[in-house]
């Protein structure tokens, strides 16, 4: 299980336990932000790998 999956599960659990609409909306938005950040991290890692292995810049 990746850290992202674990975090998403925790957020979903907190959202299901939330009693107010505001709390549920907060956890839903938190899940979306977490997912977007994970995507950005993955993209940056790919970009870094590409720059490191670019033989034309050696």
PDB file of N, CA and C in Angstrom:
ATOM      1  N   UNK A   1       0.849  -1.179   0.000  1.00  0.00           N
ATOM      2  CA  UNK A   1       0.000   0.000   0.000  1.00  0.00           C
ATOM      3  C   UNK A   1       0.895   1.243   0.000  1.00  0.00           C
ATOM      4  N   UNK A   2       0.621   2.139  -0.906  1.00  0.00           N
ATOM      5  CA  UNK A   2       1.416   3.358  -0.978  1.00  0.00           C
ATOM      6  C   UNK A   2       0.946   4.357   0.069  1.00  0.00           C
ATOM      7  N   UNK A   3       1.774   5.348   0.300  1.00  0.00           N
ATOM      8  CA  UNK A   3       1.414   6.386   1.261  1.00  0.00           C
ATOM      9  C   UNK A   3       0.164   7.133   0.810  1.00  0.00           C
ATOM     10  N   UNK A   4       0.049   7.347  -0.497  1.00  0.00           N
ATOM     11  CA  UNK A   4      -1.127   8.057  -1.013  1.00  0.00           C
ATOM     12  C   UNK A   4      -2.398   7.261  -0.739  1.00  0.00           C
ATOM     13  N   UNK A   5      -2.346   5.959  -0.980  1.00  0.00           N
ATOM     14  CA  UNK A   5      -3.523   5.124  -0.730  1.00  0.00           C
ATOM     15  C   UNK A   5      -3.887   5.127   0.744  1.00  0.00           C
ATOM     16  N   UNK A   6      -2.878   5.027   1.597  1.00  0.00           N
ATOM     17  CA  UNK A   6      -3.129   5.040   3.036  1.00  0.00           C
ATOM     18  C   UNK A   6      -3.780   6.355   3.448  1.00  0.00           C
ATOM     19  N   UNK A   7      -3.231   7.468   2.946  1.00  0.00           N
ATOM     20  CA  UNK A   7      -3.771   8.776   3.289  1.00  0.00           C
ATOM     21  C   UNK A   7      -5.205   8.921   2.802  1.00  0.00           C
ATOM     22  N   UNK A   8      -5.483   8.472   1.585  1.00  0.00           N
ATOM     23  CA  UNK A   8      -6.844   8.551   1.050  1.00  0.00           C
ATOM     24  C   UNK A   8      -7.813   7.732   1.902  1.00  0.00           C
ATOM     25  N   UNK A   9      -7.387   6.566   2.352  1.00  0.00           N
ATOM     26  CA  UNK A   9      -8.244   5.738   3.209  1.00  0.00           C
ATOM     27  C   UNK A   9      -8.530   6.437   4.531  1.00  0.00           C
ATOM     28  N   UNK A  10      -7.514   7.057   5.109  1.00  0.00           N
ATOM     29  CA  UNK A  10      -7.701   7.762   6.374  1.00  0.00           C
ATOM     30  C   UNK A  10      -8.657   8.938   6.201  1.00  0.00           C
ATOM     31  N   UNK A  11      -8.499   9.662   5.114  1.00  0.00           N
ATOM     32  CA  UNK A  11      -9.373  10.807   4.850  1.00  0.00           C
ATOM     33  C   UNK A  11     -10.811  10.339   4.641  1.00  0.00           C
ATOM     34  N   UNK A  12     -11.008   9.255   3.897  1.00  0.00           N
ATOM     35  CA  UNK A  12     -12.355   8.726   3.681  1.00  0.00           C
ATOM     36  C   UNK A  12     -12.979   8.269   4.987  1.00  0.00           C
ATOM     37  N   UNK A  13     -12.184   7.669   5.849  1.00  0.00           N
ATOM     38  CA  UNK A  13     -12.697   7.223   7.142  1.00  0.00           C
ATOM     39  C   UNK A  13     -13.123   8.427   7.984  1.00  0.00           C
ATOM     40  N   UNK A  14     -12.297   9.462   8.010  1.00  0.00           N
ATOM     41  CA  UNK A  14     -12.651  10.664   8.755  1.00  0.00           C
ATOM     42  C   UNK A  14     -13.892  11.333   8.171  1.00  0.00           C
ATOM     43  N   UNK A  15     -13.994  11.330   6.845  1.00  0.00           N
ATOM     44  CA  UNK A  15     -15.157  11.932   6.201  1.00  0.00           C
ATOM     45  C   UNK A  15     -16.428  11.171   6.561  1.00  0.00           C
ATOM     46  N   UNK A  16     -16.353   9.852   6.604  1.00  0.00           N
ATOM     47  CA  UNK A  16     -17.544   9.065   6.934  1.00  0.00           C
ATOM     48  C   UNK A  16     -17.937   9.229   8.401  1.00  0.00           C
ATOM     49  N   UNK A  17     -16.978   9.571   9.254  1.00  0.00           N
ATOM     50  CA  UNK A  17     -17.266   9.760  10.673  1.00  0.00           C
ATOM     51  C   UNK A  17     -17.690  11.189  10.995  1.00  0.00           C
ATOM     52  N   UNK A  18     -17.499  12.095  10.063  1.00  0.00           N
ATOM     53  CA  UNK A  18     -17.836  13.498  10.293  1.00  0.00           C
ATOM     54  C   UNK A  18     -19.343  13.651  10.448  1.00  0.00           C
ATOM     55  N   UNK A  19     -19.726  14.497  11.381  1.00  0.00           N
ATOM     56  CA  UNK A  19     -21.154  14.662  11.670  1.00  0.00           C
ATOM     57  C   UNK A  19     -21.757  15.911  11.037  1.00  0.00           C
ATOM     58  N   UNK A  20     -20.925  16.868  10.667  1.00  0.00           N
ATOM     59  CA  UNK A  20     -21.456  18.089  10.070  1.00  0.00           C
ATOM     60  C   UNK A  20     -21.101  18.161   8.588  1.00  0.00           C
ATOM     61  N   UNK A  21     -21.899  18.906   7.874  1.00  0.00           N
ATOM     62  CA  UNK A  21     -21.658  19.093   6.441  1.00  0.00           C
ATOM     63  C   UNK A  21     -20.310  19.761   6.199  1.00  0.00           C
ATOM     64  N   UNK A  22     -19.979  20.745   7.043  1.00  0.00           N
ATOM     65  CA  UNK A  22     -18.720  21.467   6.875  1.00  0.00           C
ATOM     66  C   UNK A  22     -17.522  20.533   7.008  1.00  0.00           C
ATOM     67  N   UNK A  23     -17.570  19.637   7.988  1.00  0.00           N
ATOM     68  CA  UNK A  23     -16.474  18.688   8.174  1.00  0.00           C
ATOM     69  C   UNK A  23     -16.379  17.722   6.995  1.00  0.00           C
ATOM     70  N   UNK A  24     -17.514  17.252   6.517  1.00  0.00           N
ATOM     71  CA  UNK A  24     -17.504  16.340   5.373  1.00  0.00           C
ATOM     72  C   UNK A  24     -16.942  17.034   4.136  1.00  0.00           C
ATOM     73  N   UNK A  25     -17.341  18.281   3.925  1.00  0.00           N
ATOM     74  CA  UNK A  25     -16.833  19.044   2.780  1.00  0.00           C
ATOM     75  C   UNK A  25     -15.329  19.278   2.916  1.00  0.00           C
ATOM     76  N   UNK A  26     -14.879  19.549   4.142  1.00  0.00           N
ATOM     77  CA  UNK A  26     -13.451  19.749   4.377  1.00  0.00           C
ATOM     78  C   UNK A  26     -12.662  18.500   4.016  1.00  0.00           C
ATOM     79  N   UNK A  27     -13.111  17.341   4.478  1.00  0.00           N
ATOM     80  CA  UNK A  27     -12.389  16.101   4.199  1.00  0.00           C
ATOM     81  C   UNK A  27     -12.431  15.734   2.717  1.00  0.00           C
ATOM     82  N   UNK A  28     -13.524  16.060   2.058  1.00  0.00           N
ATOM     83  CA  UNK A  28     -13.595  15.802   0.620  1.00  0.00           C
ATOM     84  C   UNK A  28     -12.575  16.672  -0.119  1.00  0.00           C
ATOM     85  N   UNK A  29     -12.512  17.942   0.237  1.00  0.00           N
ATOM     86  CA  UNK A  29     -11.541  18.842  -0.393  1.00  0.00           C
ATOM     87  C   UNK A  29     -10.112  18.424  -0.048  1.00  0.00           C
ATOM     88  N   UNK A  30      -9.897  17.974   1.172  1.00  0.00           N
ATOM     89  CA  UNK A  30      -8.574  17.504   1.576  1.00  0.00           C
ATOM     90  C   UNK A  30      -8.142  16.307   0.738  1.00  0.00           C
ATOM     91  N   UNK A  31      -9.066  15.406   0.455  1.00  0.00           N
ATOM     92  CA  UNK A  31      -8.761  14.255  -0.388  1.00  0.00           C
ATOM     93  C   UNK A  31      -8.386  14.671  -1.797  1.00  0.00           C
ATOM     94  N   UNK A  32      -9.092  15.665  -2.333  1.00  0.00           N
ATOM     95  CA  UNK A  32      -8.787  16.149  -3.678  1.00  0.00           C
ATOM     96  C   UNK A  32      -7.408  16.807  -3.731  1.00  0.00           C
ATOM     97  N   UNK A  33      -7.106  17.621  -2.732  1.00  0.00           N
ATOM     98  CA  UNK A  33      -5.805  18.291  -2.686  1.00  0.00           C
ATOM     99  C   UNK A  33      -4.688  17.265  -2.534  1.00  0.00           C
ATOM    100  N   UNK A  34      -4.906  16.283  -1.689  1.00  0.00           N
ATOM    101  CA  UNK A  34      -3.910  15.226  -1.486  1.00  0.00           C
ATOM    102  C   UNK A  34      -3.630  14.485  -2.790  1.00  0.00           C
ATOM    103  N   UNK A  35      -4.679  14.179  -3.531  1.00  0.00           N
ATOM    104  CA  UNK A  35      -4.518  13.473  -4.807  1.00  0.00           C
ATOM    105  C   UNK A  35      -3.750  14.335  -5.814  1.00  0.00           C
ATOM    106  N   UNK A  36      -4.091  15.616  -5.890  1.00  0.00           N
ATOM    107  CA  UNK A  36      -3.404  16.516  -6.817  1.00  0.00           C
ATOM    108  C   UNK A  36      -1.925  16.656  -6.456  1.00  0.00           C
ATOM    109  N   UNK A  37      -1.628  16.732  -5.162  1.00  0.00           N
ATOM    110  CA  UNK A  37      -0.231  16.832  -4.743  1.00  0.00           C
ATOM    111  C   UNK A  37       0.545  15.569  -5.097  1.00  0.00           C
ATOM    112  N   UNK A  38      -0.080  14.417  -4.934  1.00  0.00           N
ATOM    113  CA  UNK A  38       0.582  13.158  -5.286  1.00  0.00           C
ATOM    114  C   UNK A  38       0.888  13.119  -6.784  1.00  0.00           C
ATOM    115  N   UNK A  39      -0.039  13.623  -7.604  1.00  0.00           N
ATOM    116  CA  UNK A  39       0.199  13.674  -9.049  1.00  0.00           C
ATOM    117  C   UNK A  39       1.357  14.604  -9.381  1.00  0.00           C
ATOM    118  N   UNK A  40       1.414  15.758  -8.712  1.00  0.00           N
ATOM    119  CA  UNK A  40       2.499  16.707  -8.967  1.00  0.00           C
ATOM    120  C   UNK A  40       3.847  16.127  -8.562  1.00  0.00           C
ATOM    121  N   UNK A  41       3.873  15.426  -7.441  1.00  0.00           N
ATOM    122  CA  UNK A  41       5.120  14.797  -6.996  1.00  0.00           C
ATOM    123  C   UNK A  41       5.588  13.779  -8.022  1.00  0.00           C
ATOM    124  N   UNK A  42       4.664  12.968  -8.516  1.00  0.00           N
ATOM    125  CA  UNK A  42       5.023  11.958  -9.517  1.00  0.00           C
ATOM    126  C   UNK A  42       5.550  12.613 -10.795  1.00  0.00           C
ATOM    127  N   UNK A  43       4.907  13.701 -11.223  1.00  0.00           N
ATOM    128  CA  UNK A  43       5.356  14.400 -12.425  1.00  0.00           C
ATOM    129  C   UNK A  43       6.745  15.002 -12.230  1.00  0.00           C
ATOM    130  N   UNK A  44       6.979  15.585 -11.068  1.00  0.00           N
ATOM    131  CA  UNK A  44       8.293  16.192 -10.796  1.00  0.00           C
ATOM    132  C   UNK A  44       9.382  15.135 -10.718  1.00  0.00           C
ATOM    133  N   UNK A  45       9.070  13.976 -10.172  1.00  0.00           N
ATOM    134  CA  UNK A  45      10.052  12.902 -10.117  1.00  0.00           C
ATOM    135  C   UNK A  45      10.406  12.436 -11.526  1.00  0.00           C
ATOM    136  N   UNK A  46       9.412  12.340 -12.386  1.00  0.00           N
ATOM    137  CA  UNK A  46       9.664  11.966 -13.774  1.00  0.00           C
ATOM    138  C   UNK A  46      10.493  13.014 -14.491  1.00  0.00           C
ATOM    139  N   UNK A  47      10.200  14.282 -14.229  1.00  0.00           N
ATOM    140  CA  UNK A  47      10.969  15.360 -14.849  1.00  0.00           C
ATOM    141  C   UNK A  47      12.418  15.324 -14.369  1.00  0.00           C
ATOM    142  N   UNK A  48      12.612  15.104 -13.097  1.00  0.00           N
ATOM    143  CA  UNK A  48      13.962  15.027 -12.545  1.00  0.00           C
ATOM    144  C   UNK A  48      14.734  13.861 -13.142  1.00  0.00           C
ATOM    145  N   UNK A  49      14.093  12.713 -13.236  1.00  0.00           N
ATOM    146  CA  UNK A  49      14.745  11.554 -13.854  1.00  0.00           C
ATOM    147  C   UNK A  49      15.130  11.850 -15.299  1.00  0.00           C
ATOM    148  N   UNK A  50      14.250  12.505 -16.023  1.00  0.00           N
ATOM    149  CA  UNK A  50      14.532  12.840 -17.416  1.00  0.00           C
ATOM    150  C   UNK A  50      15.701  13.792 -17.556  1.00  0.00           C
ATOM    151  N   UNK A  51      15.792  14.760 -16.647  1.00  0.00           N
ATOM    152  CA  UNK A  51      16.904  15.714 -16.716  1.00  0.00           C
ATOM    153  C   UNK A  51      18.225  15.060 -16.324  1.00  0.00           C
ATOM    154  N   UNK A  52      18.178  14.171 -15.359  1.00  0.00           N
ATOM    155  CA  UNK A  52      19.405  13.502 -14.918  1.00  0.00           C
ATOM    156  C   UNK A  52      19.961  12.627 -16.028  1.00  0.00           C
ATOM    157  N   UNK A  53      19.088  11.931 -16.743  1.00  0.00           N
ATOM    158  CA  UNK A  53      19.540  10.981 -17.759  1.00  0.00           C
ATOM    159  C   UNK A  53      19.621  11.581 -19.152  1.00  0.00           C
ATOM    160  N   UNK A  54      19.560  12.885 -19.270  1.00  0.00           N
ATOM    161  CA  UNK A  54      19.680  13.546 -20.565  1.00  0.00           C
ATOM    162  C   UNK A  54      21.155  13.581 -20.968  1.00  0.00           C
ATOM    163  N   UNK A  55      21.540  12.716 -21.876  1.00  0.00           N
ATOM    164  CA  UNK A  55      22.949  12.582 -22.266  1.00  0.00           C
ATOM    165  C   UNK A  55      23.483  13.810 -22.990  1.00  0.00           C
ATOM    166  N   UNK A  56      22.621  14.626 -23.589  1.00  0.00           N
ATOM    167  CA  UNK A  56      23.098  15.796 -24.324  1.00  0.00           C
ATOM    168  C   UNK A  56      23.619  16.883 -23.390  1.00  0.00           C
ATOM    169  N   UNK A  57      23.254  16.822 -22.123  1.00  0.00           N
ATOM    170  CA  UNK A  57      23.696  17.851 -21.173  1.00  0.00           C
ATOM    171  C   UNK A  57      24.832  17.362 -20.283  1.00  0.00           C
ATOM    172  N   UNK A  58      25.451  16.238 -20.636  1.00  0.00           N
ATOM    173  CA  UNK A  58      26.570  15.738 -19.825  1.00  0.00           C
ATOM    174  C   UNK A  58      27.821  16.438 -20.189  1.00  0.00           C
TER     175      UNK A  58
END
